[in-house]
């Protein structure tokens, strides 16, 4: 394996160590780092490699895979950093910092000189970079020169193509699509404000070199009753672990098919309920009047018999 030797050190300077955690931009990662640090400060001899569970990036852009080595030991004589990833075949493949092969000239260590920051930056992202990446530290500790390897739980890097949102030529359908490497746990949804709009099922088409184009279509209908109302429709690319990956919005001058009917149905329901109660009241009045008429007729008959 090819590795990069980094300087050693401990996390015993509490305020300084906390500042290192706060410099991490991802909120979840920073919170996790601080939580482990507080535990490490209370328990001597703790060593932990902290990684966020998810990272995202767009084709040709750059992403930072964060990693922090949290420890309270002073007798660490050597640290060697390795990054490796597991693909769809679940085999471990080492990612050399001085890259060759598919990662050539695209990887570098974090520019932060903090010796506890083991993050790397990956540039010119490709769909095939989608994988789970593990940060691993090989070290020697104490006077007995015991060797040890510690690794994080891994970060899933999800790389996608630019999210496209457009109207079809007939202007009655909106199409949202993107390129991805994996389709599991991925979805496209349409929203207007906070209202999720029902749409067609997602279509998955195989693209080049084991990648996929995912597409979802939203049918629209012209508002033929009254003036058109502008609305902003947003398409979201979402992942079950990472939440919203990307989003695009478009303002349209049409209403959603069925939206007006949904708004009008309650009015019709209220009218039917009112008419139903009115009809019941009329029937009760008719029955009451009929019974009263029969009693009057019966009384007159009795009087004439007498």
Protein backbone atom coordinates (compact mmCIF):
# COMPACT_ATOMS: atom_id res chain seq x y z
CA UNK A 1 0.00 0.00 0.00
CA UNK A 2 1.07 3.58 -0.57
CA UNK A 3 0.65 5.93 2.36
CA UNK A 4 1.54 9.40 3.55
CA UNK A 5 3.34 9.86 6.86
CA UNK A 6 1.83 12.55 9.09
CA UNK A 7 3.00 14.08 12.35
CA UNK A 8 1.77 12.71 15.67
CA UNK A 9 0.20 14.50 18.61
CA UNK A 10 -2.54 14.39 21.20
CA UNK A 11 -5.86 16.07 21.90
CA UNK A 12 -5.16 17.03 25.51
CA UNK A 13 -5.32 20.79 24.86
CA UNK A 14 -9.08 20.89 25.33
CA UNK A 15 -9.98 24.38 23.98
CA UNK A 16 -7.59 24.02 21.03
CA UNK A 17 -8.94 20.59 20.20
CA UNK A 18 -12.50 21.90 20.29
CA UNK A 19 -11.49 24.68 17.92
CA UNK A 20 -10.27 22.06 15.45
CA UNK A 21 -13.66 20.39 15.55
CA UNK A 22 -15.44 23.70 14.97
CA UNK A 23 -13.36 24.35 11.87
CA UNK A 24 -15.09 21.42 10.21
CA UNK A 25 -17.73 22.96 7.94
CA UNK A 26 -20.25 20.10 7.99
CA UNK A 27 -22.47 20.60 11.03
CA UNK A 28 -23.07 16.89 11.65
CA UNK A 29 -19.37 16.10 11.36
CA UNK A 30 -18.41 18.92 13.75
CA UNK A 31 -21.00 17.79 16.33
CA UNK A 32 -19.81 14.19 16.13
CA UNK A 33 -16.19 15.29 16.47
CA UNK A 34 -16.99 17.36 19.59
CA UNK A 35 -19.00 14.52 21.13
CA UNK A 36 -16.16 12.03 20.70
CA UNK A 37 -13.66 14.62 21.94
CA UNK A 38 -15.61 15.15 25.18
CA UNK A 39 -15.65 11.39 25.69
CA UNK A 40 -11.93 11.15 24.89
CA UNK A 41 -11.06 13.86 27.41
CA UNK A 42 -12.84 11.94 30.18
CA UNK A 43 -11.40 8.51 29.30
CA UNK A 44 -7.60 8.28 28.94
CA UNK A 45 -6.11 6.37 26.02
CA UNK A 46 -9.03 6.82 23.62
CA UNK A 47 -8.32 6.74 19.86
CA UNK A 48 -11.04 7.29 17.24
CA UNK A 49 -11.21 8.07 13.52
CA UNK A 50 -14.24 10.30 12.84
CA UNK A 51 -15.89 10.49 9.41
CA UNK A 52 -19.26 11.91 8.26
CA UNK A 53 -21.56 9.24 6.83
CA UNK A 54 -22.29 11.05 3.56
CA UNK A 55 -20.72 13.41 1.02
CA UNK A 56 -22.00 14.60 -2.34
CA UNK A 57 -20.55 16.14 -5.45
CA UNK A 58 -21.33 17.01 -9.06
CA UNK A 59 -19.41 15.76 -12.10
CA UNK A 60 -16.21 17.78 -12.77
CA UNK A 61 -16.43 19.57 -9.42
CA UNK A 62 -14.43 18.95 -6.21
CA UNK A 63 -15.36 17.49 -2.83
CA UNK A 64 -13.60 17.15 0.53
CA UNK A 65 -13.77 13.79 2.30
CA UNK A 66 -13.43 14.77 5.95
CA UNK A 67 -11.56 12.70 8.51
CA UNK A 68 -10.38 13.60 12.04
CA UNK A 69 -8.07 11.45 14.17
CA UNK A 70 -9.18 12.00 17.79
CA UNK A 71 -6.88 10.67 20.52
CA UNK A 72 -5.52 11.51 23.97
CA UNK A 73 -2.29 9.51 23.86
CA UNK A 74 1.17 11.03 23.86
CA UNK A 75 3.21 7.88 23.17
CA UNK A 76 2.37 7.55 19.48
CA UNK A 77 5.58 7.37 17.47
CA UNK A 78 4.28 7.07 13.94
CA UNK A 79 1.13 7.73 11.97
CA UNK A 80 0.61 6.64 8.39
CA UNK A 81 -2.60 7.64 6.63
CA UNK A 82 -4.39 5.41 4.13
CA UNK A 83 -7.66 5.94 2.30
CA UNK A 84 -9.42 3.03 0.66
CA UNK A 85 -12.84 2.51 -0.87
CA UNK A 86 -15.21 -0.35 -1.53
CA UNK A 87 -17.01 -0.55 -4.86
CA UNK A 88 -20.06 -2.57 -5.85
CA UNK A 89 -17.99 -5.77 -5.53
CA UNK A 90 -17.20 -4.80 -1.87
CA UNK A 91 -13.45 -5.31 -2.47
CA UNK A 92 -11.05 -2.90 -0.78
CA UNK A 93 -9.10 -0.67 -3.14
CA UNK A 94 -6.44 1.66 -1.76
CA UNK A 95 -6.51 5.30 -2.86
CA UNK A 96 -2.87 6.54 -2.95
CA UNK A 97 -2.45 10.24 -2.20
CA UNK A 98 0.14 10.41 -4.97
CA UNK A 99 -2.46 8.99 -7.29
CA UNK A 100 -2.17 6.73 -10.23
CA UNK A 101 -4.81 5.06 -12.34
CA UNK A 102 -8.38 6.39 -12.12
CA UNK A 103 -7.47 8.96 -9.41
CA UNK A 104 -4.34 10.31 -11.06
CA UNK A 105 -3.66 13.99 -10.26
CA UNK A 106 -7.09 14.33 -8.64
CA UNK A 107 -6.31 13.80 -4.94
CA UNK A 108 -4.56 15.93 -2.36
CA UNK A 109 -4.33 16.20 1.41
CA UNK A 110 -6.23 18.93 3.20
CA UNK A 111 -4.41 22.29 3.07
CA UNK A 112 -5.11 22.69 6.78
CA UNK A 113 -1.81 22.07 8.59
CA UNK A 114 -3.65 20.62 11.57
CA UNK A 115 -1.94 17.24 12.24
CA UNK A 116 -5.24 15.76 13.38
CA UNK A 117 -7.01 16.52 10.09
CA UNK A 118 -6.66 13.56 7.73
CA UNK A 119 -9.12 14.88 5.15
CA UNK A 120 -8.48 14.61 1.42
CA UNK A 121 -9.85 16.57 -1.51
CA UNK A 122 -10.93 14.89 -4.72
CA UNK A 123 -11.12 17.02 -7.88
CA UNK A 124 -12.72 16.57 -11.31
CA UNK A 125 -15.30 14.15 -9.94
CA UNK A 126 -16.58 11.30 -12.10
CA UNK A 127 -19.69 9.18 -11.68
CA UNK A 128 -17.48 6.14 -11.09
CA UNK A 129 -16.03 7.86 -8.00
CA UNK A 130 -19.29 6.96 -6.24
CA UNK A 131 -18.27 4.56 -3.46
CA UNK A 132 -17.80 4.29 0.29
CA UNK A 133 -14.44 5.74 1.36
CA UNK A 134 -12.65 4.75 4.56
CA UNK A 135 -10.02 6.76 6.42
CA UNK A 136 -7.46 4.45 8.08
CA UNK A 137 -4.51 5.25 10.38
CA UNK A 138 -1.62 2.84 10.87
CA UNK A 139 0.44 3.72 13.97
CA UNK A 140 2.95 2.53 16.55
CA UNK A 141 2.28 3.30 20.20
CA UNK A 142 4.02 3.06 23.60
CA UNK A 143 7.56 1.99 24.35
CA UNK A 144 6.85 -1.60 23.31
CA UNK A 145 6.35 -0.40 19.74
CA UNK A 146 2.96 -2.06 19.38
CA UNK A 147 1.49 -1.58 15.92
CA UNK A 148 -2.19 -0.77 15.52
CA UNK A 149 -4.59 0.12 12.72
CA UNK A 150 -7.68 2.28 13.33
CA UNK A 151 -10.25 3.19 10.70
CA UNK A 152 -13.46 5.19 10.46
CA UNK A 153 -16.93 3.92 9.63
CA UNK A 154 -16.70 5.23 6.08
CA UNK A 155 -18.19 8.07 4.04
CA UNK A 156 -20.53 7.33 1.15
CA UNK A 157 -19.53 9.67 -1.70
CA UNK A 158 -22.46 10.18 -4.06
CA UNK A 159 -21.50 11.75 -7.40
CA UNK A 160 -24.23 12.87 -9.82
CA UNK A 161 -24.63 14.75 -13.05
CA UNK A 162 -26.15 18.25 -13.16
CA UNK A 163 -29.87 18.16 -12.38
CA UNK A 164 -31.88 19.14 -15.46
CA UNK A 165 -35.40 20.59 -15.30
CA UNK A 166 -37.18 21.52 -18.54
CA UNK A 167 -40.55 21.70 -20.24
CA UNK A 168 -41.31 19.31 -23.06
CA UNK A 169 -42.09 20.69 -26.52
CA UNK A 170 -45.85 20.35 -26.02
CA UNK A 171 -45.60 22.46 -22.83
CA UNK A 172 -47.89 20.10 -20.94
CA UNK A 173 -45.18 18.09 -19.16
CA UNK A 174 -42.17 18.97 -17.06
CA UNK A 175 -39.15 16.63 -17.06
CA UNK A 176 -36.48 16.36 -14.37
CA UNK A 177 -33.45 14.10 -14.84
CA UNK A 178 -29.88 13.40 -13.75
CA UNK A 179 -27.03 10.93 -14.27
CA UNK A 180 -26.00 8.68 -11.36
CA UNK A 181 -23.83 5.66 -10.69
CA UNK A 182 -26.23 3.92 -8.30
CA UNK A 183 -30.04 4.11 -8.26
CA UNK A 184 -30.71 2.44 -4.91
CA UNK A 185 -32.05 4.84 -2.24
CA UNK A 186 -32.29 7.66 -4.84
CA UNK A 187 -35.48 9.46 -5.89
CA UNK A 188 -36.72 12.53 -7.75
CA UNK A 189 -39.68 14.48 -6.36
CA UNK A 190 -41.59 17.59 -7.45
CA UNK A 191 -42.82 20.22 -5.01
CA UNK A 192 -44.72 23.47 -5.10
CA UNK A 193 -43.79 25.25 -1.89
CA UNK A 194 -44.14 22.51 0.76
CA UNK A 195 -46.68 20.51 -1.23
CA UNK A 196 -45.31 17.33 -2.84
CA UNK A 197 -46.88 16.83 -6.26
CA UNK A 198 -47.88 13.37 -7.51
CA UNK A 199 -46.09 12.48 -10.73
CA UNK A 200 -45.14 9.54 -12.92
CA UNK A 201 -42.88 6.77 -11.65
CA UNK A 202 -39.14 7.25 -12.05
CA UNK A 203 -37.69 5.92 -15.30
CA UNK A 204 -34.20 4.40 -15.19
CA UNK A 205 -32.20 4.02 -18.41
CA UNK A 206 -28.71 2.56 -18.61
CA UNK A 207 -26.15 5.09 -19.87
CA UNK A 208 -22.42 4.65 -20.52
CA UNK A 209 -20.06 2.43 -18.52
CA UNK A 210 -22.49 1.19 -15.92
CA UNK A 211 -24.08 4.56 -15.15
CA UNK A 212 -27.78 5.43 -15.28
CA UNK A 213 -30.04 8.29 -16.29
CA UNK A 214 -32.99 8.69 -13.92
CA UNK A 215 -35.99 10.67 -15.16
CA UNK A 216 -39.33 11.75 -13.71
CA UNK A 217 -42.12 13.49 -15.57
CA UNK A 218 -44.84 15.81 -14.20
CA UNK A 219 -47.96 16.34 -16.30
CA UNK A 220 -49.42 19.85 -16.42
CA UNK A 221 -52.65 21.27 -17.87
CA UNK A 222 -53.47 24.78 -19.02
CA UNK A 223 -55.75 26.79 -16.77
CA UNK A 224 -58.68 27.42 -19.10
CA UNK A 225 -60.94 28.87 -16.41
CA UNK A 226 -59.96 32.37 -15.34
CA UNK A 227 -56.52 33.98 -15.58
CA UNK A 228 -53.33 31.93 -15.38
CA UNK A 229 -51.54 31.85 -12.05
CA UNK A 230 -47.75 31.71 -11.93
CA UNK A 231 -46.28 29.07 -9.65
CA UNK A 232 -42.76 27.89 -8.89
CA UNK A 233 -42.20 24.16 -9.16
CA UNK A 234 -39.03 22.66 -7.69
CA UNK A 235 -37.46 19.33 -8.61
CA UNK A 236 -35.41 17.61 -5.87
CA UNK A 237 -32.83 14.84 -6.23
CA UNK A 238 -32.87 13.05 -2.87
CA UNK A 239 -30.95 10.24 -1.19
CA UNK A 240 -32.26 8.29 1.80
CA UNK A 241 -29.00 8.91 3.73
CA UNK A 242 -27.87 12.30 2.48
CA UNK A 243 -31.23 14.04 2.11
CA UNK A 244 -31.50 16.62 -0.69
CA UNK A 245 -28.60 16.21 -3.12
CA UNK A 246 -29.57 18.86 -5.65
CA UNK A 247 -32.57 20.95 -6.68
CA UNK A 248 -33.77 23.05 -9.61
CA UNK A 249 -36.75 25.39 -9.82
CA UNK A 250 -38.84 26.76 -12.68
CA UNK A 251 -41.70 29.26 -12.78
CA UNK A 252 -44.62 28.15 -14.92
CA UNK A 253 -47.88 29.81 -15.94
CA UNK A 254 -50.06 26.71 -15.75
CA UNK A 255 -51.88 24.91 -13.02
CA UNK A 256 -51.30 21.33 -12.00
CA UNK A 257 -53.73 18.81 -13.39
CA UNK A 258 -56.30 18.11 -10.72
CA UNK A 259 -55.25 21.03 -8.50
CA UNK A 260 -58.36 23.09 -9.25
CA UNK A 261 -60.58 20.06 -8.82
CA UNK A 262 -59.00 19.46 -5.42
CA UNK A 263 -59.75 23.03 -4.44
CA UNK A 264 -63.33 22.89 -5.78
CA UNK A 265 -64.30 19.50 -4.34
CA UNK A 266 -64.73 20.81 -0.75
CA UNK A 267 -67.14 23.51 -2.00
CA UNK A 268 -69.22 20.92 -3.83
CA UNK A 269 -69.17 18.70 -0.75
CA UNK A 270 -70.43 21.51 1.47
CA UNK A 271 -73.27 22.23 -0.99
CA UNK A 272 -74.27 18.55 -1.06
CA UNK A 273 -74.25 18.35 2.72
CA UNK A 274 -76.41 21.47 2.97
CA UNK A 275 -78.89 20.14 0.37
CA UNK A 276 -79.00 16.79 2.11
CA UNK A 277 -79.89 18.37 5.45
CA UNK A 278 -82.44 20.64 3.77
CA UNK A 279 -84.04 17.64 2.10
CA UNK A 280 -84.24 15.80 5.42
CA UNK A 281 -85.85 18.85 7.03
CA UNK A 282 -88.44 19.09 4.23
CA UNK A 283 -89.30 15.39 4.58
CA UNK A 284 -89.73 15.78 8.35
CA UNK A 285 -92.01 18.80 7.84
CA UNK A 286 -94.09 16.91 5.24
CA UNK A 287 -94.49 13.91 7.56
CA UNK A 288 -95.37 16.15 10.50
CA UNK A 289 -97.94 18.07 8.44
CA UNK A 290 -99.42 14.83 7.13
CA UNK A 291 -99.84 13.39 10.65
CA UNK A 292 -101.39 16.66 11.87
CA UNK A 293 -103.84 16.62 8.97
CA UNK A 294 -104.87 13.05 9.79
CA UNK A 295 -105.50 13.95 13.45
CA UNK A 296 -107.71 16.90 12.42
CA UNK A 297 -109.67 14.68 10.01
CA UNK A 298 -110.12 12.02 12.71
CA UNK A 299 -111.44 14.58 15.16
CA UNK A 300 -114.06 15.87 12.69
CA UNK A 301 -115.24 12.30 11.97
CA UNK A 302 -115.69 11.58 15.69
CA UNK A 303 -117.75 14.73 16.17
CA UNK A 304 -120.09 13.90 13.29
CA UNK A 305 -120.71 10.36 14.69
CA UNK A 306 -121.75 11.78 17.99
